Amino acid sequence: MADAAADQVETGKKRSLMPLIGGVVLALALGGGGFYATWSGLILSKGHGGPTVEAGPVPLPDIAFVPIDPIVISLGRDSTLSHLRFTAQLEVAKANAADVALLMPRIIDVINGYLRAVAVSRLENPGALVELRAQMLRRIQMVTGEGRVRDLLVTEFVLN
């Protein structure tokens, strides 16, 4: 009787693996077919049948660049370096260029004050320019008003 029960368990295991293997094979076949249909553009493609028209270059946005006068900062007696020379330009909408140029003395004051407050060790770090740029841009945006200045482009940052 024990042998008969063992035979039923073994044949039950063999029968239960066939549907599982068949399901896996079917899933792989359907997945592969779906991938090929999507990859080749048979389904979910953006251009259905019409002629393709190549678009020309996208026109530039309506921007202007307002230059910031060069700023020279003395770094103090503790440093081996003596000066920082900083030059930048502000990216603005053309409609805001005159307003931003009018506020240039305040912008230079904010940048000058910030750069003087930064520790020399931070200025010497090559990766610090990204953080310094973000800090200066935020301060400039506070002076000019939100939405007038899009970006600060640092054109010269020389320690000597």
C-alpha atoms as a PDB file:
ATOM      1  CA  MET A   1       0.000   0.000   0.000  1.00  0.00           C
ATOM      2  CA  ALA A   2       2.874   2.336   0.702  1.00  0.00           C
ATOM      3  CA  ASP A   3       4.259   1.640  -2.783  1.00  0.00           C
ATOM      4  CA  ALA A   4       0.972   2.593  -4.442  1.00  0.00           C
ATOM      5  CA  ALA A   5       0.843   5.905  -2.564  1.00  0.00           C
ATOM      6  CA  ALA A   6       4.424   6.691  -3.580  1.00  0.00           C
ATOM      7  CA  ASP A   7       3.611   5.965  -7.236  1.00  0.00           C
ATOM      8  CA  GLN A   8       0.630   8.330  -7.130  1.00  0.00           C
ATOM      9  CA  VAL A   9       2.776  11.113  -5.632  1.00  0.00           C
ATOM     10  CA  GLU A  10       5.459  10.653  -8.321  1.00  0.00           C
ATOM     11  CA  THR A  11       2.963  10.664 -11.197  1.00  0.00           C
ATOM     12  CA  GLY A  12       1.217  13.667  -9.639  1.00  0.00           C
ATOM     13  CA  LYS A  13       4.478  15.598  -9.662  1.00  0.00           C
ATOM     14  CA  LYS A  14       5.110  14.781 -13.319  1.00  0.00           C
ATOM     15  CA  ARG A  15       1.627  15.874 -14.308  1.00  0.00           C
ATOM     16  CA  SER A  16       1.836  19.147 -12.364  1.00  0.00           C
ATOM     17  CA  LEU A  17       5.116  20.252 -14.039  1.00  0.00           C
ATOM     18  CA  MET A  18       3.785  20.111 -17.600  1.00  0.00           C
ATOM     19  CA  PRO A  19       1.258  22.960 -17.245  1.00  0.00           C
ATOM     20  CA  LEU A  20       3.892  25.053 -15.483  1.00  0.00           C
ATOM     21  CA  ILE A  21       6.455  24.519 -18.242  1.00  0.00           C
ATOM     22  CA  GLY A  22       3.819  25.175 -20.892  1.00  0.00           C
ATOM     23  CA  GLY A  23       2.817  28.433 -19.153  1.00  0.00           C
ATOM     24  CA  VAL A  24       6.420  29.624 -18.971  1.00  0.00           C
ATOM     25  CA  VAL A  25       7.033  28.856 -22.652  1.00  0.00           C
ATOM     26  CA  LEU A  26       3.789  30.598 -23.638  1.00  0.00           C
ATOM     27  CA  ALA A  27       4.632  33.667 -21.514  1.00  0.00           C
ATOM     28  CA  LEU A  28       8.100  33.908 -23.079  1.00  0.00           C
ATOM     29  CA  ALA A  29       6.679  33.591 -26.583  1.00  0.00           C
ATOM     30  CA  LEU A  30       4.025  36.270 -25.980  1.00  0.00           C
ATOM     31  CA  GLY A  31       6.532  38.588 -24.282  1.00  0.00           C
ATOM     32  CA  GLY A  32       9.014  38.208 -27.126  1.00  0.00           C
ATOM     33  CA  GLY A  33       6.309  38.779 -29.725  1.00  0.00           C
ATOM     34  CA  GLY A  34       5.088  41.888 -27.916  1.00  0.00           C
ATOM     35  CA  PHE A  35       8.624  43.245 -27.650  1.00  0.00           C
ATOM     36  CA  TYR A  36       9.267  42.669 -31.352  1.00  0.00           C
ATOM     37  CA  ALA A  37       5.961  44.273 -32.369  1.00  0.00           C
ATOM     38  CA  THR A  38       6.697  47.370 -30.281  1.00  0.00           C
ATOM     39  CA  TRP A  39      10.367  47.587 -31.272  1.00  0.00           C
ATOM     40  CA  SER A  40       9.686  47.255 -34.978  1.00  0.00           C
ATOM     41  CA  GLY A  41       6.890  49.831 -34.872  1.00  0.00           C
ATOM     42  CA  LEU A  42       4.021  47.499 -35.680  1.00  0.00           C
ATOM     43  CA  ILE A  43       2.143  48.778 -32.620  1.00  0.00           C
ATOM     44  CA  LEU A  44       2.405  51.947 -30.509  1.00  0.00           C
ATOM     45  CA  SER A  45       4.349  53.816 -33.179  1.00  0.00           C
ATOM     46  CA  LYS A  46       3.814  57.561 -33.433  1.00  0.00           C
ATOM     47  CA  GLY A  47       3.702  57.856 -37.222  1.00  0.00           C
ATOM     48  CA  HIS A  48       0.954  55.683 -38.720  1.00  0.00           C
ATOM     49  CA  GLY A  49       1.347  55.681 -42.457  1.00  0.00           C
ATOM     50  CA  GLY A  50       1.754  59.401 -43.238  1.00  0.00           C
ATOM     51  CA  PRO A  51       4.864  60.867 -44.797  1.00  0.00           C
ATOM     52  CA  THR A  52       7.525  61.797 -42.321  1.00  0.00           C
ATOM     53  CA  VAL A  53       8.484  65.457 -42.285  1.00  0.00           C
ATOM     54  CA  GLU A  54      11.819  66.400 -40.784  1.00  0.00           C
ATOM     55  CA  ALA A  55      11.505  69.331 -38.470  1.00  0.00           C
ATOM     56  CA  GLY A  56      14.087  72.065 -38.717  1.00  0.00           C
ATOM     57  CA  PRO A  57      15.971  73.368 -35.731  1.00  0.00           C
ATOM     58  CA  VAL A  58      13.854  74.644 -32.903  1.00  0.00           C
ATOM     59  CA  PRO A  59      13.959  78.432 -32.744  1.00  0.00           C
ATOM     60  CA  LEU A  60      15.892  79.915 -29.838  1.00  0.00           C
ATOM     61  CA  PRO A  61      13.894  81.282 -26.968  1.00  0.00           C
ATOM     62  CA  ASP A  62      13.498  85.024 -26.649  1.00  0.00           C
ATOM     63  CA  ILE A  63      16.548  85.606 -24.410  1.00  0.00           C
ATOM     64  CA  ALA A  64      19.204  88.224 -23.822  1.00  0.00           C
ATOM     65  CA  PHE A  65      22.449  88.213 -21.866  1.00  0.00           C
ATOM     66  CA  VAL A  66      23.240  91.036 -19.482  1.00  0.00           C
ATOM     67  CA  PRO A  67      26.963  91.208 -18.654  1.00  0.00           C
ATOM     68  CA  ILE A  68      28.156  91.667 -15.096  1.00  0.00           C
ATOM     69  CA  ASP A  69      31.218  93.865 -14.746  1.00  0.00           C
ATOM     70  CA  PRO A  70      34.345  91.966 -13.646  1.00  0.00           C
ATOM     71  CA  ILE A  71      34.662  91.726  -9.870  1.00  0.00           C
ATOM     72  CA  VAL A  72      38.016  91.343  -8.122  1.00  0.00           C
ATOM     73  CA  ILE A  73      37.876  90.109  -4.523  1.00  0.00           C
ATOM     74  CA  SER A  74      40.864  90.154  -2.182  1.00  0.00           C
ATOM     75  CA  LEU A  75      41.021  86.850  -0.319  1.00  0.00           C
ATOM     76  CA  GLY A  76      42.810  87.946   2.822  1.00  0.00           C
ATOM     77  CA  ARG A  77      46.154  87.351   4.448  1.00  0.00           C
ATOM     78  CA  ASP A  78      45.554  83.773   5.586  1.00  0.00           C
ATOM     79  CA  SER A  79      45.459  82.375   2.052  1.00  0.00           C
ATOM     80  CA  THR A  80      48.292  81.544  -0.305  1.00  0.00           C
ATOM     81  CA  LEU A  81      46.093  83.061  -3.005  1.00  0.00           C
ATOM     82  CA  SER A  82      45.539  86.794  -3.025  1.00  0.00           C
ATOM     83  CA  HIS A  83      42.662  87.548  -5.426  1.00  0.00           C
ATOM     84  CA  LEU A  84      39.574  86.111  -7.063  1.00  0.00           C
ATOM     85  CA  ARG A  85      38.583  87.486 -10.458  1.00  0.00           C
ATOM     86  CA  PHE A  86      34.906  86.839 -11.249  1.00  0.00           C
ATOM     87  CA  THR A  87      33.028  87.641 -14.458  1.00  0.00           C
ATOM     88  CA  ALA A  88      29.563  86.442 -15.437  1.00  0.00           C
ATOM     89  CA  GLN A  89      26.493  87.117 -17.533  1.00  0.00           C
ATOM     90  CA  LEU A  90      22.830  86.878 -16.645  1.00  0.00           C
ATOM     91  CA  GLU A  91      20.409  85.072 -18.927  1.00  0.00           C
ATOM     92  CA  VAL A  92      17.125  86.999 -19.006  1.00  0.00           C
ATOM     93  CA  ALA A  93      14.088  87.374 -21.215  1.00  0.00           C
ATOM     94  CA  LYS A  94      14.584  90.199 -23.722  1.00  0.00           C
ATOM     95  CA  ALA A  95      11.691  92.084 -22.160  1.00  0.00           C
ATOM     96  CA  ASN A  96      13.460  92.046 -18.768  1.00  0.00           C
ATOM     97  CA  ALA A  97      16.958  93.007 -19.959  1.00  0.00           C
ATOM     98  CA  ALA A  98      16.547  96.741 -19.292  1.00  0.00           C
ATOM     99  CA  ASP A  99      15.108  96.135 -15.810  1.00  0.00           C
ATOM    100  CA  VAL A 100      17.960  93.807 -14.877  1.00  0.00           C
ATOM    101  CA  ALA A 101      20.572  96.222 -16.240  1.00  0.00           C
ATOM    102  CA  LEU A 102      19.017  98.968 -14.119  1.00  0.00           C
ATOM    103  CA  LEU A 103      19.480  96.806 -10.996  1.00  0.00           C
ATOM    104  CA  MET A 104      23.111  95.942 -11.816  1.00  0.00           C
ATOM    105  CA  PRO A 105      24.643  97.913  -8.900  1.00  0.00           C
ATOM    106  CA  ARG A 106      22.534  95.884  -6.447  1.00  0.00           C
ATOM    107  CA  ILE A 107      23.418  92.641  -8.224  1.00  0.00           C
ATOM    108  CA  ILE A 108      27.139  93.405  -8.039  1.00  0.00           C
ATOM    109  CA  ASP A 109      26.755  94.303  -4.365  1.00  0.00           C
ATOM    110  CA  VAL A 110      25.062  90.977  -3.598  1.00  0.00           C
ATOM    111  CA  ILE A 111      27.684  88.966  -5.499  1.00  0.00           C
ATOM    112  CA  ASN A 112      30.542  90.914  -3.954  1.00  0.00           C
ATOM    113  CA  GLY A 113      29.170  90.433  -0.435  1.00  0.00           C
ATOM    114  CA  TYR A 114      28.600  86.733  -0.953  1.00  0.00           C
ATOM    115  CA  LEU A 115      32.029  86.024  -2.470  1.00  0.00           C
ATOM    116  CA  ARG A 116      33.768  87.899   0.338  1.00  0.00           C
ATOM    117  CA  ALA A 117      31.942  85.788   2.921  1.00  0.00           C
ATOM    118  CA  VAL A 118      32.866  82.437   1.357  1.00  0.00           C
ATOM    119  CA  ALA A 119      35.820  80.650   2.935  1.00  0.00           C
ATOM    120  CA  VAL A 120      38.917  80.415   0.746  1.00  0.00           C
ATOM    121  CA  SER A 121      39.020  76.628   1.220  1.00  0.00           C
ATOM    122  CA  ARG A 122      35.604  76.382  -0.482  1.00  0.00           C
ATOM    123  CA  LEU A 123      36.749  78.564  -3.363  1.00  0.00           C
ATOM    124  CA  GLU A 124      39.755  76.306  -3.979  1.00  0.00           C
ATOM    125  CA  ASN A 125      37.573  73.188  -4.255  1.00  0.00           C
ATOM    126  CA  PRO A 126      37.049  72.450  -7.995  1.00  0.00           C
ATOM    127  CA  GLY A 127      33.505  71.147  -7.478  1.00  0.00           C
ATOM    128  CA  ALA A 128      32.361  74.141  -5.462  1.00  0.00           C
ATOM    129  CA  LEU A 129      31.633  76.336  -8.471  1.00  0.00           C
ATOM    130  CA  VAL A 130      28.289  74.617  -9.049  1.00  0.00           C
ATOM    131  CA  GLU A 131      27.138  75.320  -5.497  1.00  0.00           C
ATOM    132  CA  LEU A 132      28.510  78.875  -5.537  1.00  0.00           C
ATOM    133  CA  ARG A 133      26.744  79.558  -8.817  1.00  0.00           C
ATOM    134  CA  ALA A 134      23.428  78.298  -7.431  1.00  0.00           C
ATOM    135  CA  GLN A 135      23.796  80.425  -4.290  1.00  0.00           C
ATOM    136  CA  MET A 136      24.628  83.542  -6.288  1.00  0.00           C
ATOM    137  CA  LEU A 137      21.759  82.945  -8.725  1.00  0.00           C
ATOM    138  CA  ARG A 138      19.293  82.647  -5.846  1.00  0.00           C
ATOM    139  CA  ARG A 139      20.516  85.909  -4.336  1.00  0.00           C
ATOM    140  CA  ILE A 140      20.318  87.670  -7.713  1.00  0.00           C
ATOM    141  CA  GLN A 141      16.765  86.410  -8.215  1.00  0.00           C
ATOM    142  CA  MET A 142      15.823  87.818  -4.821  1.00  0.00           C
ATOM    143  CA  VAL A 143      17.210  91.244  -5.809  1.00  0.00           C
ATOM    144  CA  THR A 144      15.660  91.356  -9.286  1.00  0.00           C
ATOM    145  CA  GLY A 145      12.376  89.709  -8.441  1.00  0.00           C
ATOM    146  CA  GLU A 146      11.193  86.222  -9.207  1.00  0.00           C
ATOM    147  CA  GLY A 147      11.123  85.272 -12.893  1.00  0.00           C
ATOM    148  CA  ARG A 148      13.351  88.017 -14.313  1.00  0.00           C
ATOM    149  CA  VAL A 149      16.689  86.181 -14.293  1.00  0.00           C
ATOM    150  CA  ARG A 150      16.764  82.661 -15.722  1.00  0.00           C
ATOM    151  CA  ASP A 151      20.385  81.710 -15.181  1.00  0.00           C
ATOM    152  CA  LEU A 152      23.826  82.885 -14.140  1.00  0.00           C
ATOM    153  CA  LEU A 153      26.594  82.002 -16.565  1.00  0.00           C
ATOM    154  CA  VAL A 154      30.038  82.201 -15.001  1.00  0.00           C
ATOM    155  CA  THR A 155      32.519  83.209 -17.705  1.00  0.00           C
ATOM    156  CA  GLU A 156      35.588  83.743 -15.518  1.00  0.00           C
ATOM    157  CA  PHE A 157      36.467  82.400 -12.077  1.00  0.00           C
ATOM    158  CA  VAL A 158      40.191  82.787 -11.550  1.00  0.00           C
ATOM    159  CA  LEU A 159      42.053  82.413  -8.256  1.00  0.00           C
ATOM    160  CA  ASN A 160      45.556  83.883  -8.229  1.00  0.00           C
END
